[in-house]
Amino acid sequence: METIKLNKTFIEIISMPNINHFSAVEIRTAYIAITKDEKLVPAEVRRFIYEELLKLERRGWIEKVTSKKRKVTRYSKTESFNFLESNTLDFIKSNPIQVPTNSIQKELIFKINQYKKELIEGLGSLDECLRLRGRYPGLYTTLKRKHDILKEQNHMLIGKINILDDLINQHKKA
């Protein structure tokens, strides 16, 4: 049987019993939080996580499901997912993620990370508004206003992130 190389931190996250029906963004966030490396670039971590997820998907250990309505992709562990009994895994400790060296790029990446944290908080607030609207129909109007404001704030954050990503990409090419 062929050996598969996977990042140890990634496997620790995926192997947690309460991790199932997850998105790549959730795993990326967990990876960044666990490594506690402020120099990690979220876009690079995302690519890295997708590569690791693809390895697991090809082996049949996870399956990818994309909703037709919202085009959201989530992953679920399959019956054959069992890393503890598998002898085919070779963990790698090296981190393939590039760390920026120049100060402008570091500053831009720091700003992106701040905006992404705010965006995650905003997404949590949106989810809570939707949950509360369903539970308390009498508060629908108030929660609808809050929901709309949060949605607008999140769109603005996405715009800021996109601009900074473009600047970073242009700066890399220069």
Protein backbone atom coordinates (compact mmCIF):
# COMPACT_ATOMS: atom_id res chain seq x y z
CA MET A 1 0.00 0.00 0.00
CA GLU A 2 1.34 3.44 -0.88
CA THR A 3 2.30 5.90 1.85
CA ILE A 4 0.41 9.18 2.09
CA LYS A 5 2.13 12.23 3.58
CA LEU A 6 -0.07 14.49 5.68
CA ASN A 7 0.66 17.41 7.96
CA LYS A 8 0.53 16.38 11.62
CA THR A 9 -1.42 19.45 12.79
CA PHE A 10 -3.93 18.98 9.97
CA ILE A 11 -4.46 15.34 10.97
CA GLU A 12 -4.86 16.26 14.63
CA ILE A 13 -7.66 18.65 13.66
CA ILE A 14 -9.42 16.28 11.25
CA SER A 15 -9.13 13.34 13.66
CA MET A 16 -10.98 15.10 16.46
CA PRO A 17 -14.20 13.18 17.12
CA ASN A 18 -16.34 16.34 17.08
CA ILE A 19 -15.02 17.38 13.65
CA ASN A 20 -17.39 16.24 10.91
CA HIS A 21 -19.49 18.03 8.26
CA PHE A 22 -16.86 20.77 8.07
CA SER A 23 -15.74 23.31 5.51
CA ALA A 24 -12.20 24.01 4.36
CA VAL A 25 -12.48 27.49 5.90
CA GLU A 26 -13.29 26.00 9.31
CA ILE A 27 -10.27 23.69 9.11
CA ARG A 28 -8.09 26.59 7.95
CA THR A 29 -9.22 28.71 10.89
CA ALA A 30 -8.53 25.85 13.30
CA TYR A 31 -5.12 25.27 11.72
CA ILE A 32 -4.14 28.94 12.10
CA ALA A 33 -5.46 29.02 15.68
CA ILE A 34 -3.62 25.85 16.71
CA THR A 35 -0.29 26.76 15.11
CA LYS A 36 -0.50 30.27 16.62
CA ASP A 37 1.83 31.56 13.91
CA GLU A 38 0.92 35.17 13.10
CA LYS A 39 3.05 35.04 9.96
CA LEU A 40 0.81 32.51 8.23
CA VAL A 41 -0.95 33.80 5.13
CA PRO A 42 -4.61 32.71 5.17
CA ALA A 43 -4.74 32.32 1.37
CA GLU A 44 -1.69 30.05 1.44
CA VAL A 45 -3.09 28.07 4.37
CA ARG A 46 -6.36 27.66 2.45
CA ARG A 47 -4.54 26.21 -0.57
CA PHE A 48 -2.55 23.92 1.71
CA ILE A 49 -5.74 22.72 3.48
CA TYR A 50 -7.44 22.03 0.12
CA GLU A 51 -4.45 19.92 -0.94
CA GLU A 52 -4.61 17.90 2.27
CA LEU A 53 -8.39 17.47 1.96
CA LEU A 54 -7.97 16.29 -1.63
CA LYS A 55 -5.51 13.61 -0.46
CA LEU A 56 -8.10 12.32 2.02
CA GLU A 57 -10.90 12.51 -0.54
CA ARG A 58 -8.91 10.51 -3.11
CA ARG A 59 -8.41 7.75 -0.52
CA GLY A 60 -12.14 7.70 0.26
CA TRP A 61 -11.63 8.80 3.87
CA ILE A 62 -13.76 11.91 3.44
CA GLU A 63 -16.43 12.90 0.96
CA LYS A 64 -17.18 16.31 -0.47
CA VAL A 65 -20.76 17.56 -0.76
CA THR A 66 -21.62 20.87 -2.44
CA SER A 67 -25.10 22.25 -1.90
CA LYS A 68 -26.88 23.11 -5.12
CA LYS A 69 -28.71 26.11 -3.75
CA ARG A 70 -25.92 27.99 -1.95
CA LYS A 71 -22.86 26.37 -3.64
CA VAL A 72 -21.33 25.70 -0.22
CA THR A 73 -18.87 22.79 -0.01
CA ARG A 74 -18.66 20.70 3.14
CA TYR A 75 -16.69 17.57 3.91
CA SER A 76 -17.75 14.52 5.92
CA LYS A 77 -15.76 11.59 7.25
CA THR A 78 -16.60 8.24 5.67
CA GLU A 79 -16.82 4.80 7.27
CA SER A 80 -13.25 4.06 6.23
CA PHE A 81 -11.92 7.12 8.07
CA ASN A 82 -9.73 5.76 10.82
CA PHE A 83 -6.26 7.23 11.15
CA LEU A 84 -5.43 5.44 14.37
CA GLU A 85 -5.42 1.97 12.75
CA SER A 86 -3.90 3.05 9.45
CA ASN A 87 -0.23 2.25 8.88
CA THR A 88 -0.15 4.12 5.58
CA LEU A 89 0.26 7.60 7.02
CA ASP A 90 3.56 9.42 7.13
CA PHE A 91 3.26 12.67 9.05
CA ILE A 92 5.32 15.62 7.95
CA LYS A 93 6.24 18.40 10.31
CA SER A 94 7.56 20.81 7.75
CA ASN A 95 5.28 23.71 7.03
CA PRO A 96 4.92 24.31 3.28
CA ILE A 97 3.41 27.73 3.83
CA GLN A 98 5.49 30.68 2.66
CA VAL A 99 6.18 33.48 5.11
CA PRO A 100 6.43 36.96 3.58
CA THR A 101 9.76 38.67 3.97
CA ASN A 102 9.15 42.29 3.08
CA SER A 103 7.53 44.74 5.47
CA ILE A 104 4.80 46.09 3.14
CA GLN A 105 3.59 42.59 2.42
CA LYS A 106 3.68 41.71 6.13
CA GLU A 107 1.66 44.81 6.96
CA LEU A 108 -0.93 44.03 4.28
CA ILE A 109 -1.21 40.44 5.44
CA PHE A 110 -1.60 41.56 9.05
CA LYS A 111 -4.43 43.87 7.97
CA ILE A 112 -6.10 41.06 5.98
CA ASN A 113 -5.94 38.80 9.03
CA GLN A 114 -7.61 41.50 11.13
CA TYR A 115 -10.40 41.89 8.57
CA LYS A 116 -10.87 38.14 8.32
CA LYS A 117 -11.24 37.85 12.08
CA GLU A 118 -13.89 40.59 11.96
CA LEU A 119 -15.58 38.78 9.08
CA ILE A 120 -15.71 35.51 11.04
CA GLU A 121 -17.27 37.35 13.98
CA GLY A 122 -19.78 38.95 11.59
CA LEU A 123 -20.68 35.57 10.10
CA GLY A 124 -21.32 34.23 13.58
CA SER A 125 -23.55 37.21 14.31
CA LEU A 126 -25.47 36.65 11.06
CA ASP A 127 -26.05 33.01 11.93
CA GLU A 128 -27.28 33.98 15.38
CA CYS A 129 -29.67 36.58 13.92
CA LEU A 130 -31.15 33.96 11.61
CA ARG A 131 -31.48 31.45 14.44
CA LEU A 132 -33.15 34.02 16.70
CA ARG A 133 -35.52 35.17 13.95
CA GLY A 134 -36.76 31.62 13.61
CA ARG A 135 -37.10 31.14 17.33
CA TYR A 136 -38.68 34.51 18.19
CA PRO A 137 -40.97 35.62 15.35
CA GLY A 138 -42.07 38.67 17.36
CA LEU A 139 -38.54 40.09 17.07
CA TYR A 140 -38.41 39.57 13.32
CA THR A 141 -38.34 43.28 12.37
CA THR A 142 -35.60 44.18 14.85
CA LEU A 143 -33.50 41.14 13.96
CA LYS A 144 -34.04 41.75 10.23
CA ARG A 145 -32.55 45.26 10.59
CA LYS A 146 -29.59 43.91 12.55
CA HIS A 147 -29.16 41.14 9.97
CA ASP A 148 -29.12 43.64 7.10
CA ILE A 149 -26.55 45.86 8.86
CA LEU A 150 -24.30 42.88 9.61
CA LYS A 151 -24.60 41.69 6.02
CA GLU A 152 -23.55 45.11 4.72
CA GLN A 153 -20.60 45.24 7.13
CA ASN A 154 -19.48 41.78 5.99
CA HIS A 155 -19.69 42.82 2.34
CA MET A 156 -17.51 45.84 3.11
CA LEU A 157 -14.98 43.61 4.87
CA ILE A 158 -14.90 41.25 1.89
CA GLY A 159 -14.22 44.25 -0.35
CA LYS A 160 -11.35 45.37 1.88
CA ILE A 161 -9.91 41.85 1.91
CA ASN A 162 -10.14 41.61 -1.89
CA ILE A 163 -8.32 44.92 -2.35
CA LEU A 164 -5.54 43.88 0.01
CA ASP A 165 -5.26 40.47 -1.69
CA ASP A 166 -4.89 42.22 -5.05
CA LEU A 167 -2.19 44.51 -3.64
CA ILE A 168 -0.31 41.54 -2.18
CA ASN A 169 -0.49 39.66 -5.48
CA GLN A 170 0.75 42.70 -7.40
CA HIS A 171 3.52 43.23 -4.84
CA LYS A 172 4.63 39.58 -5.22
CA LYS A 173 4.93 40.01 -8.99
CA ALA A 174 6.99 43.21 -8.67
